Amino acid sequence: MKYLIGRISDPILGITTGIMAYYLWENDGRNSELRPQGRKLNDLLRRRFLPSIASD
């Protein structure tokens, strides 16, 4: 199987690209009416990885 960069770095590149795309979309003023409250990247990560803090 051929890889774009490498077996380990291809998934890392994909995840990083997705996070950066979401971050850029989130900070674009033209998309502000499309974003619901509490759905920012920081809120989603906090809810996923720190559920005890998010429930407060």
N, C-alpha and C. Protein backbone atom coordinates (compact mmCIF):
# COMPACT_ATOMS: atom_id res chain seq x y z
N MET A 1 0.84 -1.18 0.00
CA MET A 1 0.00 0.00 0.00
C MET A 1 0.89 1.24 0.00
N LYS A 2 0.56 2.19 -0.84
CA LYS A 2 1.33 3.44 -0.91
C LYS A 2 0.73 4.46 0.06
N TYR A 3 1.62 5.22 0.66
CA TYR A 3 1.22 6.26 1.60
C TYR A 3 1.66 7.61 1.05
N LEU A 4 0.89 8.65 1.40
CA LEU A 4 1.23 9.99 0.96
C LEU A 4 2.55 10.44 1.59
N ILE A 5 2.65 10.35 2.88
CA ILE A 5 3.88 10.74 3.59
C ILE A 5 4.47 9.53 4.31
N GLY A 6 3.68 8.86 5.07
CA GLY A 6 4.13 7.70 5.82
C GLY A 6 2.95 7.05 6.53
N ARG A 7 3.17 5.87 7.00
CA ARG A 7 2.09 5.11 7.64
C ARG A 7 1.58 5.80 8.90
N ILE A 8 2.46 6.39 9.67
CA ILE A 8 2.08 7.05 10.92
C ILE A 8 1.67 8.50 10.68
N SER A 9 2.38 9.17 9.81
CA SER A 9 2.14 10.60 9.64
C SER A 9 0.91 10.93 8.79
N ASP A 10 0.43 10.01 7.96
CA ASP A 10 -0.78 10.29 7.17
C ASP A 10 -2.01 10.52 8.05
N PRO A 11 -2.30 9.67 9.04
CA PRO A 11 -3.45 9.95 9.91
C PRO A 11 -3.27 11.23 10.73
N ILE A 12 -2.04 11.50 11.16
CA ILE A 12 -1.78 12.73 11.91
C ILE A 12 -2.03 13.94 11.02
N LEU A 13 -1.60 13.87 9.78
CA LEU A 13 -1.84 14.96 8.83
C LEU A 13 -3.33 15.16 8.61
N GLY A 14 -4.09 14.09 8.48
CA GLY A 14 -5.53 14.18 8.28
C GLY A 14 -6.25 14.80 9.46
N ILE A 15 -5.90 14.37 10.66
CA ILE A 15 -6.54 14.90 11.86
C ILE A 15 -6.18 16.37 12.04
N THR A 16 -4.91 16.71 11.83
CA THR A 16 -4.48 18.10 11.96
C THR A 16 -5.19 18.99 10.94
N THR A 17 -5.32 18.52 9.72
CA THR A 17 -6.01 19.29 8.68
C THR A 17 -7.47 19.51 9.05
N GLY A 18 -8.13 18.49 9.58
CA GLY A 18 -9.52 18.62 9.99
C GLY A 18 -9.70 19.60 11.13
N ILE A 19 -8.83 19.55 12.12
CA ILE A 19 -8.91 20.47 13.25
C ILE A 19 -8.67 21.90 12.79
N MET A 20 -7.68 22.09 11.94
CA MET A 20 -7.39 23.45 11.44
C MET A 20 -8.55 23.98 10.59
N ALA A 21 -9.17 23.13 9.78
CA ALA A 21 -10.30 23.56 8.95
C ALA A 21 -11.47 23.97 9.84
N TYR A 22 -11.75 23.19 10.86
CA TYR A 22 -12.84 23.53 11.78
C TYR A 22 -12.53 24.83 12.51
N TYR A 23 -11.28 25.00 12.95
CA TYR A 23 -10.88 26.22 13.65
C TYR A 23 -11.04 27.45 12.75
N LEU A 24 -10.60 27.34 11.50
CA LEU A 24 -10.73 28.46 10.58
C LEU A 24 -12.19 28.77 10.28
N TRP A 25 -13.01 27.74 10.11
CA TRP A 25 -14.44 27.96 9.86
C TRP A 25 -15.09 28.62 11.08
N GLU A 26 -14.66 28.19 12.26
CA GLU A 26 -15.22 28.72 13.50
C GLU A 26 -14.90 30.20 13.68
N ASN A 27 -13.74 30.63 13.26
CA ASN A 27 -13.31 32.02 13.46
C ASN A 27 -13.63 32.94 12.29
N ASP A 28 -14.29 32.43 11.29
CA ASP A 28 -14.68 33.24 10.14
C ASP A 28 -15.99 33.97 10.48
N GLY A 29 -15.97 35.28 10.40
CA GLY A 29 -17.15 36.07 10.75
C GLY A 29 -18.35 35.82 9.88
N ARG A 30 -18.14 35.37 8.67
CA ARG A 30 -19.27 35.10 7.76
C ARG A 30 -20.07 33.88 8.19
N ASN A 31 -19.51 33.03 9.04
CA ASN A 31 -20.20 31.82 9.48
C ASN A 31 -20.82 31.96 10.87
N SER A 32 -20.83 33.16 11.41
CA SER A 32 -21.27 33.32 12.80
C SER A 32 -22.73 32.93 13.01
N GLU A 33 -23.59 33.15 12.04
CA GLU A 33 -25.00 32.79 12.22
C GLU A 33 -25.22 31.28 12.09
N LEU A 34 -24.27 30.55 11.53
CA LEU A 34 -24.40 29.11 11.37
C LEU A 34 -23.94 28.33 12.60
N ARG A 35 -23.20 29.00 13.49
CA ARG A 35 -22.64 28.33 14.67
C ARG A 35 -23.59 28.43 15.86
N PRO A 36 -24.05 27.30 16.37
CA PRO A 36 -24.86 27.37 17.60
C PRO A 36 -23.99 27.68 18.82
N GLN A 37 -24.59 28.24 19.85
CA GLN A 37 -23.87 28.52 21.09
C GLN A 37 -23.41 27.21 21.73
N GLY A 38 -22.25 27.22 22.33
CA GLY A 38 -21.73 26.05 23.02
C GLY A 38 -21.15 25.00 22.10
N ARG A 39 -20.94 25.32 20.84
CA ARG A 39 -20.42 24.34 19.89
C ARG A 39 -19.05 24.76 19.35
N LYS A 40 -18.35 25.62 20.07
CA LYS A 40 -16.99 25.98 19.66
C LYS A 40 -16.06 24.81 19.90
N LEU A 41 -14.92 24.82 19.23
CA LEU A 41 -13.97 23.72 19.34
C LEU A 41 -13.52 23.50 20.78
N ASN A 42 -13.27 24.58 21.49
CA ASN A 42 -12.87 24.46 22.90
C ASN A 42 -13.96 23.81 23.73
N ASP A 43 -15.23 24.18 23.49
CA ASP A 43 -16.34 23.58 24.23
C ASP A 43 -16.47 22.09 23.93
N LEU A 44 -16.34 21.72 22.66
CA LEU A 44 -16.45 20.32 22.28
C LEU A 44 -15.33 19.49 22.87
N LEU A 45 -14.09 20.01 22.84
CA LEU A 45 -12.96 19.29 23.42
C LEU A 45 -13.08 19.17 24.93
N ARG A 46 -13.54 20.24 25.57
CA ARG A 46 -13.70 20.22 27.02
C ARG A 46 -14.75 19.19 27.42
N ARG A 47 -15.85 19.13 26.67
CA ARG A 47 -16.90 18.17 26.97
C ARG A 47 -16.44 16.73 26.74
N ARG A 48 -15.56 16.54 25.76
CA ARG A 48 -15.08 15.20 25.42
C ARG A 48 -14.04 14.70 26.42
N PHE A 49 -13.09 15.55 26.78
CA PHE A 49 -11.96 15.09 27.56
C PHE A 49 -12.02 15.47 29.04
N LEU A 50 -12.83 16.43 29.39
CA LEU A 50 -12.97 16.84 30.79
C LEU A 50 -14.45 16.92 31.17
N PRO A 51 -15.15 15.80 31.19
CA PRO A 51 -16.60 15.85 31.41
C PRO A 51 -16.99 16.38 32.79
N SER A 52 -16.13 16.24 33.80
CA SER A 52 -16.49 16.75 35.12
C SER A 52 -16.51 18.27 35.15
N ILE A 53 -15.64 18.91 34.40
CA ILE A 53 -15.60 20.37 34.34
C ILE A 53 -16.74 20.89 33.48
N ALA A 54 -17.06 20.20 32.39
CA ALA A 54 -18.10 20.65 31.46
C ALA A 54 -19.48 20.61 32.09
N SER A 55 -19.73 19.73 33.03
CA SER A 55 -21.06 19.61 33.63
C SER A 55 -21.32 20.70 34.67
N ASP A 56 -20.29 21.41 35.11
CA ASP A 56 -20.46 22.47 36.12
C ASP A 56 -21.12 23.68 35.54
